[in-house]
């Protein structure tokens, strides 16, 4: 493993199901992953006629494990042992911990990088 792949991250995966009464129940499945890369990059967007720079965080997760991660899941830097109760918004964890709501998920298994990985970003 590369020396810079040294971060632990916690992923909260959102699962929605119906209960016996037909109501939607939201659950959050927590997964702690070691040996990840956590980084930042600057992206430019056009707002009206102005170009705006924004810092955007991302995580690279080694492909050595099976992981279900989707947009609207939560990624947090570090090992978080808190279970989120059913029908609670896990985004509240972002008030306390360094993380983000995932908006981008890419499978870089066949990428040009020396280590196949899953890329997630905000």
PDB file of N, CA and C in Angstrom:
ATOM      1  N   UNK A   1       0.855  -1.186   0.000  1.00  0.00           N
ATOM      2  CA  UNK A   1       0.000   0.000   0.000  1.00  0.00           C
ATOM      3  C   UNK A   1       0.888   1.232   0.000  1.00  0.00           C
ATOM      4  N   UNK A   2       0.437   2.290  -0.643  1.00  0.00           N
ATOM      5  CA  UNK A   2       1.188   3.538  -0.680  1.00  0.00           C
ATOM      6  C   UNK A   2       1.093   4.243   0.664  1.00  0.00           C
ATOM      7  N   UNK A   3       2.155   4.967   1.045  1.00  0.00           N
ATOM      8  CA  UNK A   3       2.190   5.663   2.329  1.00  0.00           C
ATOM      9  C   UNK A   3       1.077   6.694   2.466  1.00  0.00           C
ATOM     10  N   UNK A   4       0.660   7.298   1.370  1.00  0.00           N
ATOM     11  CA  UNK A   4      -0.357   8.348   1.464  1.00  0.00           C
ATOM     12  C   UNK A   4      -1.784   7.785   1.486  1.00  0.00           C
ATOM     13  N   UNK A   5      -1.920   6.489   1.362  1.00  0.00           N
ATOM     14  CA  UNK A   5      -3.226   5.827   1.519  1.00  0.00           C
ATOM     15  C   UNK A   5      -3.317   5.383   2.979  1.00  0.00           C
ATOM     16  N   UNK A   6      -3.397   6.347   3.882  1.00  0.00           N
ATOM     17  CA  UNK A   6      -3.269   6.058   5.311  1.00  0.00           C
ATOM     18  C   UNK A   6      -4.453   6.539   6.141  1.00  0.00           C
ATOM     19  N   UNK A   7      -5.535   6.894   5.510  1.00  0.00           N
ATOM     20  CA  UNK A   7      -6.682   7.443   6.239  1.00  0.00           C
ATOM     21  C   UNK A   7      -7.750   6.373   6.475  1.00  0.00           C
ATOM     22  N   UNK A   8      -8.430   6.528   7.589  1.00  0.00           N
ATOM     23  CA  UNK A   8      -9.609   5.708   7.882  1.00  0.00           C
ATOM     24  C   UNK A   8     -10.828   6.581   7.625  1.00  0.00           C
ATOM     25  N   UNK A   9     -11.814   6.023   6.938  1.00  0.00           N
ATOM     26  CA  UNK A   9     -13.055   6.751   6.683  1.00  0.00           C
ATOM     27  C   UNK A   9     -14.238   5.884   7.108  1.00  0.00           C
ATOM     28  N   UNK A  10     -15.329   6.560   7.424  1.00  0.00           N
ATOM     29  CA  UNK A  10     -16.570   5.877   7.767  1.00  0.00           C
ATOM     30  C   UNK A  10     -17.612   6.282   6.732  1.00  0.00           C
ATOM     31  N   UNK A  11     -18.255   5.281   6.150  1.00  0.00           N
ATOM     32  CA  UNK A  11     -19.316   5.513   5.173  1.00  0.00           C
ATOM     33  C   UNK A  11     -20.646   5.135   5.820  1.00  0.00           C
ATOM     34  N   UNK A  12     -21.613   6.022   5.713  1.00  0.00           N
ATOM     35  CA  UNK A  12     -22.988   5.732   6.130  1.00  0.00           C
ATOM     36  C   UNK A  12     -23.818   5.600   4.859  1.00  0.00           C
ATOM     37  N   UNK A  13     -24.231   4.368   4.561  1.00  0.00           N
ATOM     38  CA  UNK A  13     -25.010   4.076   3.353  1.00  0.00           C
ATOM     39  C   UNK A  13     -26.497   4.121   3.680  1.00  0.00           C
ATOM     40  N   UNK A  14     -27.247   4.917   2.911  1.00  0.00           N
ATOM     41  CA  UNK A  14     -28.687   5.080   3.140  1.00  0.00           C
ATOM     42  C   UNK A  14     -29.465   3.944   2.486  1.00  0.00           C
ATOM     43  N   UNK A  15     -30.339   3.322   3.279  1.00  0.00           N
ATOM     44  CA  UNK A  15     -31.199   2.244   2.795  1.00  0.00           C
ATOM     45  C   UNK A  15     -32.638   2.614   3.110  1.00  0.00           C
ATOM     46  N   UNK A  16     -33.478   2.632   2.081  1.00  0.00           N
ATOM     47  CA  UNK A  16     -34.900   2.946   2.285  1.00  0.00           C
ATOM     48  C   UNK A  16     -35.719   1.708   1.970  1.00  0.00           C
ATOM     49  N   UNK A  17     -36.608   1.355   2.896  1.00  0.00           N
ATOM     50  CA  UNK A  17     -37.524   0.222   2.738  1.00  0.00           C
ATOM     51  C   UNK A  17     -38.902   0.639   3.232  1.00  0.00           C
ATOM     52  N   UNK A  18     -39.887  -0.182   2.945  1.00  0.00           N
ATOM     53  CA  UNK A  18     -41.247   0.031   3.454  1.00  0.00           C
ATOM     54  C   UNK A  18     -41.478  -0.900   4.644  1.00  0.00           C
ATOM     55  N   UNK A  19     -42.162  -0.379   5.670  1.00  0.00           N
ATOM     56  CA  UNK A  19     -42.519  -1.232   6.802  1.00  0.00           C
ATOM     57  C   UNK A  19     -43.839  -1.943   6.490  1.00  0.00           C
ATOM     58  N   UNK A  20     -44.370  -2.690   7.444  1.00  0.00           N
ATOM     59  CA  UNK A  20     -45.597  -3.468   7.235  1.00  0.00           C
ATOM     60  C   UNK A  20     -46.815  -2.600   6.951  1.00  0.00           C
ATOM     61  N   UNK A  21     -46.738  -1.318   7.325  1.00  0.00           N
ATOM     62  CA  UNK A  21     -47.848  -0.393   7.087  1.00  0.00           C
ATOM     63  C   UNK A  21     -47.654   0.434   5.827  1.00  0.00           C
ATOM     64  N   UNK A  22     -46.611   0.136   5.048  1.00  0.00           N
ATOM     65  CA  UNK A  22     -46.362   0.847   3.808  1.00  0.00           C
ATOM     66  C   UNK A  22     -45.613   2.160   3.974  1.00  0.00           C
ATOM     67  N   UNK A  23     -45.179   2.460   5.186  1.00  0.00           N
ATOM     68  CA  UNK A  23     -44.422   3.692   5.421  1.00  0.00           C
ATOM     69  C   UNK A  23     -42.943   3.460   5.117  1.00  0.00           C
ATOM     70  N   UNK A  24     -42.294   4.492   4.609  1.00  0.00           N
ATOM     71  CA  UNK A  24     -40.868   4.408   4.296  1.00  0.00           C
ATOM     72  C   UNK A  24     -40.038   4.496   5.574  1.00  0.00           C
ATOM     73  N   UNK A  25     -39.112   3.557   5.704  1.00  0.00           N
ATOM     74  CA  UNK A  25     -38.184   3.537   6.834  1.00  0.00           C
ATOM     75  C   UNK A  25     -36.778   3.728   6.269  1.00  0.00           C
ATOM     76  N   UNK A  26     -36.079   4.749   6.777  1.00  0.00           N
ATOM     77  CA  UNK A  26     -34.709   5.016   6.344  1.00  0.00           C
ATOM     78  C   UNK A  26     -33.744   4.487   7.393  1.00  0.00           C
ATOM     79  N   UNK A  27     -32.808   3.645   6.938  1.00  0.00           N
ATOM     80  CA  UNK A  27     -31.766   3.101   7.810  1.00  0.00           C
ATOM     81  C   UNK A  27     -30.415   3.538   7.253  1.00  0.00           C
ATOM     82  N   UNK A  28     -29.422   3.618   8.139  1.00  0.00           N
ATOM     83  CA  UNK A  28     -28.064   3.988   7.746  1.00  0.00           C
ATOM     84  C   UNK A  28     -27.114   2.865   8.137  1.00  0.00           C
ATOM     85  N   UNK A  29     -26.506   2.214   7.139  1.00  0.00           N
ATOM     86  CA  UNK A  29     -25.546   1.137   7.383  1.00  0.00           C
ATOM     87  C   UNK A  29     -24.139   1.743   7.441  1.00  0.00           C
ATOM     88  N   UNK A  30     -23.465   1.531   8.547  1.00  0.00           N
ATOM     89  CA  UNK A  30     -22.139   2.106   8.775  1.00  0.00           C
ATOM     90  C   UNK A  30     -21.045   1.115   8.403  1.00  0.00           C
ATOM     91  N   UNK A  31     -20.046   1.596   7.635  1.00  0.00           N
ATOM     92  CA  UNK A  31     -18.883   0.792   7.269  1.00  0.00           C
ATOM     93  C   UNK A  31     -17.627   1.602   7.522  1.00  0.00           C
ATOM     94  N   UNK A  32     -16.683   1.024   8.246  1.00  0.00           N
ATOM     95  CA  UNK A  32     -15.402   1.678   8.523  1.00  0.00           C
ATOM     96  C   UNK A  32     -14.351   1.051   7.612  1.00  0.00           C
ATOM     97  N   UNK A  33     -13.602   1.914   6.912  1.00  0.00           N
ATOM     98  CA  UNK A  33     -12.643   1.446   5.913  1.00  0.00           C
ATOM     99  C   UNK A  33     -11.275   2.054   6.194  1.00  0.00           C
ATOM    100  N   UNK A  34     -10.244   1.208   6.263  1.00  0.00           N
ATOM    101  CA  UNK A  34      -8.860   1.648   6.457  1.00  0.00           C
ATOM    102  C   UNK A  34      -8.148   1.773   5.114  1.00  0.00           C
ATOM    103  N   UNK A  35      -6.980   2.397   5.153  1.00  0.00           N
ATOM    104  CA  UNK A  35      -6.081   2.503   4.005  1.00  0.00           C
ATOM    105  C   UNK A  35      -6.690   3.238   2.813  1.00  0.00           C
ATOM    106  N   UNK A  36      -7.359   4.348   3.103  1.00  0.00           N
ATOM    107  CA  UNK A  36      -7.957   5.179   2.066  1.00  0.00           C
ATOM    108  C   UNK A  36      -7.108   6.427   1.835  1.00  0.00           C
ATOM    109  N   UNK A  37      -7.355   7.075   0.714  1.00  0.00           N
ATOM    110  CA  UNK A  37      -6.738   8.359   0.406  1.00  0.00           C
ATOM    111  C   UNK A  37      -7.817   9.427   0.524  1.00  0.00           C
ATOM    112  N   UNK A  38      -7.549  10.480   1.285  1.00  0.00           N
ATOM    113  CA  UNK A  38      -8.496  11.586   1.474  1.00  0.00           C
ATOM    114  C   UNK A  38      -7.818  12.836   0.944  1.00  0.00           C
ATOM    115  N   UNK A  39      -8.443  13.497  -0.033  1.00  0.00           N
ATOM    116  CA  UNK A  39      -7.791  14.651  -0.637  1.00  0.00           C
ATOM    117  C   UNK A  39      -8.752  15.786  -0.945  1.00  0.00           C
ATOM    118  N   UNK A  40      -8.174  16.862  -1.441  1.00  0.00           N
ATOM    119  CA  UNK A  40      -8.910  18.061  -1.848  1.00  0.00           C
ATOM    120  C   UNK A  40      -8.491  18.448  -3.251  1.00  0.00           C
ATOM    121  N   UNK A  41      -9.410  19.039  -3.977  1.00  0.00           N
ATOM    122  CA  UNK A  41      -9.069  19.605  -5.276  1.00  0.00           C
ATOM    123  C   UNK A  41      -9.911  20.864  -5.473  1.00  0.00           C
ATOM    124  N   UNK A  42      -9.438  21.746  -6.316  1.00  0.00           N
ATOM    125  CA  UNK A  42     -10.166  22.962  -6.622  1.00  0.00           C
ATOM    126  C   UNK A  42     -10.914  22.759  -7.932  1.00  0.00           C
ATOM    127  N   UNK A  43     -12.199  23.058  -7.914  1.00  0.00           N
ATOM    128  CA  UNK A  43     -13.008  22.980  -9.132  1.00  0.00           C
ATOM    129  C   UNK A  43     -13.530  24.377  -9.440  1.00  0.00           C
ATOM    130  N   UNK A  44     -13.697  24.647 -10.709  1.00  0.00           N
ATOM    131  CA  UNK A  44     -14.218  25.944 -11.129  1.00  0.00           C
ATOM    132  C   UNK A  44     -15.613  25.770 -11.694  1.00  0.00           C
ATOM    133  N   UNK A  45     -16.505  26.665 -11.278  1.00  0.00           N
ATOM    134  CA  UNK A  45     -17.861  26.665 -11.815  1.00  0.00           C
ATOM    135  C   UNK A  45     -18.193  28.072 -12.292  1.00  0.00           C
ATOM    136  N   UNK A  46     -19.106  28.156 -13.213  1.00  0.00           N
ATOM    137  CA  UNK A  46     -19.548  29.433 -13.733  1.00  0.00           C
ATOM    138  C   UNK A  46     -20.832  29.827 -13.016  1.00  0.00           C
ATOM    139  N   UNK A  47     -20.812  30.966 -12.345  1.00  0.00           N
ATOM    140  CA  UNK A  47     -21.973  31.499 -11.647  1.00  0.00           C
ATOM    141  C   UNK A  47     -22.294  32.837 -12.310  1.00  0.00           C
ATOM    142  N   UNK A  48     -23.345  32.852 -13.119  1.00  0.00           N
ATOM    143  CA  UNK A  48     -23.633  34.045 -13.913  1.00  0.00           C
ATOM    144  C   UNK A  48     -22.529  34.229 -14.929  1.00  0.00           C
ATOM    145  N   UNK A  49     -21.798  35.319 -14.800  1.00  0.00           N
ATOM    146  CA  UNK A  49     -20.662  35.562 -15.698  1.00  0.00           C
ATOM    147  C   UNK A  49     -19.326  35.436 -14.978  1.00  0.00           C
ATOM    148  N   UNK A  50     -19.359  35.003 -13.724  1.00  0.00           N
ATOM    149  CA  UNK A  50     -18.131  34.902 -12.928  1.00  0.00           C
ATOM    150  C   UNK A  50     -17.707  33.449 -12.765  1.00  0.00           C
ATOM    151  N   UNK A  51     -16.399  33.237 -12.781  1.00  0.00           N
ATOM    152  CA  UNK A  51     -15.842  31.921 -12.496  1.00  0.00           C
ATOM    153  C   UNK A  51     -15.549  31.860 -10.997  1.00  0.00           C
ATOM    154  N   UNK A  52     -16.086  30.843 -10.341  1.00  0.00           N
ATOM    155  CA  UNK A  52     -15.937  30.693  -8.896  1.00  0.00           C
ATOM    156  C   UNK A  52     -15.138  29.425  -8.604  1.00  0.00           C
ATOM    157  N   UNK A  53     -14.080  29.562  -7.792  1.00  0.00           N
ATOM    158  CA  UNK A  53     -13.296  28.404  -7.359  1.00  0.00           C
ATOM    159  C   UNK A  53     -13.908  27.839  -6.090  1.00  0.00           C
ATOM    160  N   UNK A  54     -13.981  26.519  -6.020  1.00  0.00           N
ATOM    161  CA  UNK A  54     -14.526  25.870  -4.835  1.00  0.00           C
ATOM    162  C   UNK A  54     -13.632  24.692  -4.470  1.00  0.00           C
ATOM    163  N   UNK A  55     -13.341  24.556  -3.179  1.00  0.00           N
ATOM    164  CA  UNK A  55     -12.585  23.420  -2.693  1.00  0.00           C
ATOM    165  C   UNK A  55     -13.517  22.212  -2.601  1.00  0.00           C
ATOM    166  N   UNK A  56     -13.117  21.094  -3.160  1.00  0.00           N
ATOM    167  CA  UNK A  56     -13.954  19.898  -3.160  1.00  0.00           C
ATOM    168  C   UNK A  56     -13.152  18.720  -2.611  1.00  0.00           C
ATOM    169  N   UNK A  57     -13.718  18.018  -1.624  1.00  0.00           N
ATOM    170  CA  UNK A  57     -13.040  16.874  -1.008  1.00  0.00           C
ATOM    171  C   UNK A  57     -13.410  15.579  -1.738  1.00  0.00           C
ATOM    172  N   UNK A  58     -12.488  14.633  -1.690  1.00  0.00           N
ATOM    173  CA  UNK A  58     -12.742  13.326  -2.301  1.00  0.00           C
ATOM    174  C   UNK A  58     -11.991  12.251  -1.536  1.00  0.00           C
ATOM    175  N   UNK A  59     -12.434  11.023  -1.734  1.00  0.00           N
ATOM    176  CA  UNK A  59     -11.826   9.861  -1.087  1.00  0.00           C
ATOM    177  C   UNK A  59     -11.617   8.785  -2.140  1.00  0.00           C
ATOM    178  N   UNK A  60     -10.491   8.119  -2.066  1.00  0.00           N
ATOM    179  CA  UNK A  60     -10.223   6.945  -2.913  1.00  0.00           C
ATOM    180  C   UNK A  60     -10.178   5.735  -1.975  1.00  0.00           C
ATOM    181  N   UNK A  61     -11.003   4.735  -2.293  1.00  0.00           N
ATOM    182  CA  UNK A  61     -11.130   3.534  -1.466  1.00  0.00           C
ATOM    183  C   UNK A  61     -10.583   2.343  -2.250  1.00  0.00           C
ATOM    184  N   UNK A  62      -9.610   1.612  -1.709  1.00  0.00           N
ATOM    185  CA  UNK A  62      -9.058   0.455  -2.424  1.00  0.00           C
ATOM    186  C   UNK A  62     -10.151  -0.551  -2.795  1.00  0.00           C
ATOM    187  N   UNK A  63      -9.988  -1.194  -3.942  1.00  0.00           N
ATOM    188  CA  UNK A  63     -10.979  -2.139  -4.463  1.00  0.00           C
ATOM    189  C   UNK A  63     -10.923  -3.503  -3.788  1.00  0.00           C
ATOM    190  N   UNK A  64     -10.182  -3.642  -2.721  1.00  0.00           N
ATOM    191  CA  UNK A  64     -10.006  -4.949  -2.101  1.00  0.00           C
ATOM    192  C   UNK A  64     -11.231  -5.436  -1.339  1.00  0.00           C
ATOM    193  N   UNK A  65     -12.277  -4.608  -1.248  1.00  0.00           N
ATOM    194  CA  UNK A  65     -13.452  -5.027  -0.507  1.00  0.00           C
ATOM    195  C   UNK A  65     -14.716  -4.731  -1.298  1.00  0.00           C
ATOM    196  N   UNK A  66     -15.787  -5.384  -0.911  1.00  0.00           N
ATOM    197  CA  UNK A  66     -17.081  -5.134  -1.524  1.00  0.00           C
ATOM    198  C   UNK A  66     -17.754  -4.031  -0.728  1.00  0.00           C
ATOM    199  N   UNK A  67     -18.115  -2.970  -1.419  1.00  0.00           N
ATOM    200  CA  UNK A  67     -18.681  -1.813  -0.747  1.00  0.00           C
ATOM    201  C   UNK A  67     -19.820  -1.271  -1.585  1.00  0.00           C
ATOM    202  N   UNK A  68     -20.954  -1.046  -0.945  1.00  0.00           N
ATOM    203  CA  UNK A  68     -22.070  -0.408  -1.610  1.00  0.00           C
ATOM    204  C   UNK A  68     -22.097   1.041  -1.169  1.00  0.00           C
ATOM    205  N   UNK A  69     -21.849   1.941  -2.109  1.00  0.00           N
ATOM    206  CA  UNK A  69     -21.846   3.377  -1.816  1.00  0.00           C
ATOM    207  C   UNK A  69     -22.546   4.084  -2.969  1.00  0.00           C
ATOM    208  N   UNK A  70     -23.387   5.055  -2.630  1.00  0.00           N
ATOM    209  CA  UNK A  70     -24.206   5.756  -3.624  1.00  0.00           C
ATOM    210  C   UNK A  70     -24.231   7.245  -3.331  1.00  0.00           C
ATOM    211  N   UNK A  71     -24.694   8.014  -4.308  1.00  0.00           N
ATOM    212  CA  UNK A  71     -24.935   9.434  -4.078  1.00  0.00           C
ATOM    213  C   UNK A  71     -25.934   9.558  -2.929  1.00  0.00           C
ATOM    214  N   UNK A  72     -25.789  10.595  -2.125  1.00  0.00           N
ATOM    215  CA  UNK A  72     -26.584  10.884  -0.920  1.00  0.00           C
ATOM    216  C   UNK A  72     -26.146  10.089   0.304  1.00  0.00           C
ATOM    217  N   UNK A  73     -25.147   9.207   0.159  1.00  0.00           N
ATOM    218  CA  UNK A  73     -24.554   8.580   1.332  1.00  0.00           C
ATOM    219  C   UNK A  73     -23.644   9.612   2.003  1.00  0.00           C
ATOM    220  N   UNK A  74     -23.149   9.279   3.185  1.00  0.00           N
ATOM    221  CA  UNK A  74     -22.306  10.191   3.948  1.00  0.00           C
ATOM    222  C   UNK A  74     -20.912   9.585   4.092  1.00  0.00           C
ATOM    223  N   UNK A  75     -19.873  10.398   3.868  1.00  0.00           N
ATOM    224  CA  UNK A  75     -18.484   9.985   4.065  1.00  0.00           C
ATOM    225  C   UNK A  75     -17.876  10.879   5.140  1.00  0.00           C
ATOM    226  N   UNK A  76     -17.230  10.263   6.129  1.00  0.00           N
ATOM    227  CA  UNK A  76     -16.630  11.011   7.234  1.00  0.00           C
ATOM    228  C   UNK A  76     -15.188  10.540   7.412  1.00  0.00           C
ATOM    229  N   UNK A  77     -14.286  11.498   7.587  1.00  0.00           N
ATOM    230  CA  UNK A  77     -12.889  11.176   7.836  1.00  0.00           C
ATOM    231  C   UNK A  77     -12.750  10.662   9.265  1.00  0.00           C
ATOM    232  N   UNK A  78     -12.157   9.477   9.418  1.00  0.00           N
ATOM    233  CA  UNK A  78     -11.953   8.889  10.735  1.00  0.00           C
ATOM    234  C   UNK A  78     -12.897   7.734  11.006  1.00  0.00           C
ATOM    235  N   UNK A  79     -12.644   7.074  12.124  1.00  0.00           N
ATOM    236  CA  UNK A  79     -13.466   5.937  12.546  1.00  0.00           C
ATOM    237  C   UNK A  79     -14.562   6.450  13.479  1.00  0.00           C
ATOM    238  N   UNK A  80     -15.794   6.390  13.008  1.00  0.00           N
ATOM    239  CA  UNK A  80     -16.946   6.852  13.777  1.00  0.00           C
ATOM    240  C   UNK A  80     -17.732   5.601  14.205  1.00  0.00           C
ATOM    241  N   UNK A  81     -17.995   5.491  15.492  1.00  0.00           N
ATOM    242  CA  UNK A  81     -18.673   4.293  16.010  1.00  0.00           C
ATOM    243  C   UNK A  81     -20.136   4.554  16.342  1.00  0.00           C
ATOM    244  N   UNK A  82     -20.649   5.691  15.928  1.00  0.00           N
ATOM    245  CA  UNK A  82     -22.041   6.046  16.225  1.00  0.00           C
ATOM    246  C   UNK A  82     -22.971   5.381  15.223  1.00  0.00           C
ATOM    247  N   UNK A  83     -23.982   4.677  15.736  1.00  0.00           N
ATOM    248  CA  UNK A  83     -25.037   4.147  14.883  1.00  0.00           C
ATOM    249  C   UNK A  83     -26.129   5.199  14.781  1.00  0.00           C
ATOM    250  N   UNK A  84     -26.604   5.445  13.578  1.00  0.00           N
ATOM    251  CA  UNK A  84     -27.663   6.433  13.360  1.00  0.00           C
ATOM    252  C   UNK A  84     -29.007   5.722  13.503  1.00  0.00           C
ATOM    253  N   UNK A  85     -29.883   6.212  14.382  1.00  0.00           N
ATOM    254  CA  UNK A  85     -31.199   5.580  14.555  1.00  0.00           C
ATOM    255  C   UNK A  85     -32.025   5.638  13.263  1.00  0.00           C
ATOM    256  N   UNK A  86     -32.938   4.691  13.110  1.00  0.00           N
ATOM    257  CA  UNK A  86     -33.825   4.676  11.952  1.00  0.00           C
ATOM    258  C   UNK A  86     -34.574   5.996  11.839  1.00  0.00           C
ATOM    259  N   UNK A  87     -34.813   6.409  10.611  1.00  0.00           N
ATOM    260  CA  UNK A  87     -35.564   7.625  10.282  1.00  0.00           C
ATOM    261  C   UNK A  87     -34.934   8.895  10.840  1.00  0.00           C
ATOM    262  N   UNK A  88     -33.614   8.872  11.021  1.00  0.00           N
ATOM    263  CA  UNK A  88     -32.866  10.040  11.467  1.00  0.00           C
ATOM    264  C   UNK A  88     -31.956  10.467  10.317  1.00  0.00           C
ATOM    265  N   UNK A  89     -31.744  11.757  10.161  1.00  0.00           N
ATOM    266  CA  UNK A  89     -30.901  12.267   9.090  1.00  0.00           C
ATOM    267  C   UNK A  89     -29.428  12.189   9.510  1.00  0.00           C
ATOM    268  N   UNK A  90     -28.668  11.325   8.854  1.00  0.00           N
ATOM    269  CA  UNK A  90     -27.253  11.145   9.191  1.00  0.00           C
ATOM    270  C   UNK A  90     -26.421  12.374   8.848  1.00  0.00           C
ATOM    271  N   UNK A  91     -26.961  13.299   8.054  1.00  0.00           N
ATOM    272  CA  UNK A  91     -26.211  14.516   7.737  1.00  0.00           C
ATOM    273  C   UNK A  91     -25.930  15.344   8.981  1.00  0.00           C
ATOM    274  N   UNK A  92     -26.653  15.110  10.058  1.00  0.00           N
ATOM    275  CA  UNK A  92     -26.391  15.820  11.313  1.00  0.00           C
ATOM    276  C   UNK A  92     -24.998  15.507  11.851  1.00  0.00           C
ATOM    277  N   UNK A  93     -24.449  14.350  11.475  1.00  0.00           N
ATOM    278  CA  UNK A  93     -23.083  14.009  11.891  1.00  0.00           C
ATOM    279  C   UNK A  93     -22.071  15.004  11.325  1.00  0.00           C
ATOM    280  N   UNK A  94     -22.397  15.638  10.205  1.00  0.00           N
ATOM    281  CA  UNK A  94     -21.481  16.578   9.567  1.00  0.00           C
ATOM    282  C   UNK A  94     -21.346  17.871  10.357  1.00  0.00           C
ATOM    283  N   UNK A  95     -22.242  18.099  11.318  1.00  0.00           N
ATOM    284  CA  UNK A  95     -22.105  19.246  12.218  1.00  0.00           C
ATOM    285  C   UNK A  95     -20.945  19.036  13.193  1.00  0.00           C
ATOM    286  N   UNK A  96     -20.600  17.768  13.435  1.00  0.00           N
ATOM    287  CA  UNK A  96     -19.577  17.421  14.424  1.00  0.00           C
ATOM    288  C   UNK A  96     -18.300  16.886  13.787  1.00  0.00           C
ATOM    289  N   UNK A  97     -18.434  16.131  12.692  1.00  0.00           N
ATOM    290  CA  UNK A  97     -17.287  15.435  12.100  1.00  0.00           C
ATOM    291  C   UNK A  97     -16.956  15.983  10.713  1.00  0.00           C
ATOM    292  N   UNK A  98     -15.695  15.811  10.310  1.00  0.00           N
ATOM    293  CA  UNK A  98     -15.216  16.248   9.004  1.00  0.00           C
ATOM    294  C   UNK A  98     -15.652  15.243   7.947  1.00  0.00           C
ATOM    295  N   UNK A  99     -16.579  15.639   7.115  1.00  0.00           N
ATOM    296  CA  UNK A  99     -17.061  14.750   6.076  1.00  0.00           C
ATOM    297  C   UNK A  99     -17.926  15.494   5.079  1.00  0.00           C
ATOM    298  N   UNK A 100     -18.619  14.729   4.225  1.00  0.00           N
ATOM    299  CA  UNK A 100     -19.457  15.336   3.198  1.00  0.00           C
ATOM    300  C   UNK A 100     -20.529  14.361   2.729  1.00  0.00           C
ATOM    301  N   UNK A 101     -21.538  14.924   2.071  1.00  0.00           N
ATOM    302  CA  UNK A 101     -22.562  14.124   1.404  1.00  0.00           C
ATOM    303  C   UNK A 101     -21.991  13.737   0.043  1.00  0.00           C
ATOM    304  N   UNK A 102     -22.029  12.474  -0.266  1.00  0.00           N
ATOM    305  CA  UNK A 102     -21.451  11.972  -1.511  1.00  0.00           C
ATOM    306  C   UNK A 102     -22.359  12.352  -2.688  1.00  0.00           C
ATOM    307  N   UNK A 103     -21.743  12.930  -3.718  1.00  0.00           N
ATOM    308  CA  UNK A 103     -22.505  13.232  -4.934  1.00  0.00           C
ATOM    309  C   UNK A 103     -21.935  12.516  -6.151  1.00  0.00           C
ATOM    310  N   UNK A 104     -20.670  12.078  -6.052  1.00  0.00           N
ATOM    311  CA  UNK A 104     -20.015  11.400  -7.171  1.00  0.00           C
ATOM    312  C   UNK A 104     -19.439  10.067  -6.707  1.00  0.00           C
ATOM    313  N   UNK A 105     -19.713   9.023  -7.488  1.00  0.00           N
ATOM    314  CA  UNK A 105     -19.132   7.697  -7.236  1.00  0.00           C
ATOM    315  C   UNK A 105     -18.615   7.173  -8.570  1.00  0.00           C
ATOM    316  N   UNK A 106     -17.331   6.794  -8.610  1.00  0.00           N
ATOM    317  CA  UNK A 106     -16.731   6.256  -9.828  1.00  0.00           C
ATOM    318  C   UNK A 106     -15.984   4.961  -9.503  1.00  0.00           C
ATOM    319  N   UNK A 107     -16.122   3.983 -10.361  1.00  0.00           N
ATOM    320  CA  UNK A 107     -15.384   2.740 -10.246  1.00  0.00           C
ATOM    321  C   UNK A 107     -14.110   2.885 -11.082  1.00  0.00           C
ATOM    322  N   UNK A 108     -12.989   3.054 -10.418  1.00  0.00           N
ATOM    323  CA  UNK A 108     -11.711   3.196 -11.106  1.00  0.00           C
ATOM    324  C   UNK A 108     -10.900   1.907 -11.058  1.00  0.00           C
ATOM    325  N   UNK A 109     -11.577   0.797 -11.258  1.00  0.00           N
ATOM    326  CA  UNK A 109     -10.906  -0.503 -11.229  1.00  0.00           C
ATOM    327  C   UNK A 109      -9.968  -0.664 -12.411  1.00  0.00           C
ATOM    328  N   UNK A 110     -10.334  -0.084 -13.537  1.00  0.00           N
ATOM    329  CA  UNK A 110      -9.510  -0.235 -14.740  1.00  0.00           C
ATOM    330  C   UNK A 110      -8.856   1.088 -15.117  1.00  0.00           C
ATOM    331  N   UNK A 111      -8.654   1.945 -14.149  1.00  0.00           N
ATOM    332  CA  UNK A 111      -8.092   3.265 -14.433  1.00  0.00           C
ATOM    333  C   UNK A 111      -6.584   3.184 -14.627  1.00  0.00           C
ATOM    334  N   UNK A 112      -5.993   4.324 -14.949  1.00  0.00           N
ATOM    335  CA  UNK A 112      -4.546   4.403 -15.154  1.00  0.00           C
ATOM    336  C   UNK A 112      -3.779   4.488 -13.834  1.00  0.00           C
ATOM    337  N   UNK A 113      -4.494   4.545 -12.710  1.00  0.00           N
ATOM    338  CA  UNK A 113      -3.839   4.604 -11.413  1.00  0.00           C
ATOM    339  C   UNK A 113      -3.220   3.254 -11.076  1.00  0.00           C
ATOM    340  N   UNK A 114      -2.127   3.256 -10.303  1.00  0.00           N
ATOM    341  CA  UNK A 114      -1.470   1.989  -9.967  1.00  0.00           C
ATOM    342  C   UNK A 114      -2.287   1.112  -9.011  1.00  0.00           C
ATOM    343  N   UNK A 115      -3.303   1.686  -8.388  1.00  0.00           N
ATOM    344  CA  UNK A 115      -4.113   0.922  -7.441  1.00  0.00           C
ATOM    345  C   UNK A 115      -5.594   1.071  -7.815  1.00  0.00           C
ATOM    346  N   UNK A 116      -6.252  -0.015  -8.220  1.00  0.00           N
ATOM    347  CA  UNK A 116      -7.684   0.073  -8.524  1.00  0.00           C
ATOM    348  C   UNK A 116      -8.449   0.544  -7.273  1.00  0.00           C
ATOM    349  N   UNK A 117      -9.440   1.420  -7.477  1.00  0.00           N
ATOM    350  CA  UNK A 117     -10.132   2.000  -6.340  1.00  0.00           C
ATOM    351  C   UNK A 117     -11.514   2.513  -6.724  1.00  0.00           C
ATOM    352  N   UNK A 118     -12.290   2.828  -5.701  1.00  0.00           N
ATOM    353  CA  UNK A 118     -13.555   3.521  -5.870  1.00  0.00           C
ATOM    354  C   UNK A 118     -13.293   4.973  -5.497  1.00  0.00           C
ATOM    355  N   UNK A 119     -13.726   5.889  -6.346  1.00  0.00           N
ATOM    356  CA  UNK A 119     -13.573   7.323  -6.106  1.00  0.00           C
ATOM    357  C   UNK A 119     -14.920   7.862  -5.667  1.00  0.00           C
ATOM    358  N   UNK A 120     -14.954   8.566  -4.541  1.00  0.00           N
ATOM    359  CA  UNK A 120     -16.179   9.249  -4.118  1.00  0.00           C
ATOM    360  C   UNK A 120     -15.842  10.708  -3.846  1.00  0.00           C
ATOM    361  N   UNK A 121     -16.770  11.581  -4.214  1.00  0.00           N
ATOM    362  CA  UNK A 121     -16.530  13.001  -4.017  1.00  0.00           C
ATOM    363  C   UNK A 121     -17.800  13.730  -3.650  1.00  0.00           C
ATOM    364  N   UNK A 122     -17.612  14.959  -3.167  1.00  0.00           N
ATOM    365  CA  UNK A 122     -18.784  15.752  -2.795  1.00  0.00           C
ATOM    366  C   UNK A 122     -19.270  16.547  -3.975  1.00  0.00           C
TER     367      UNK A 122
END
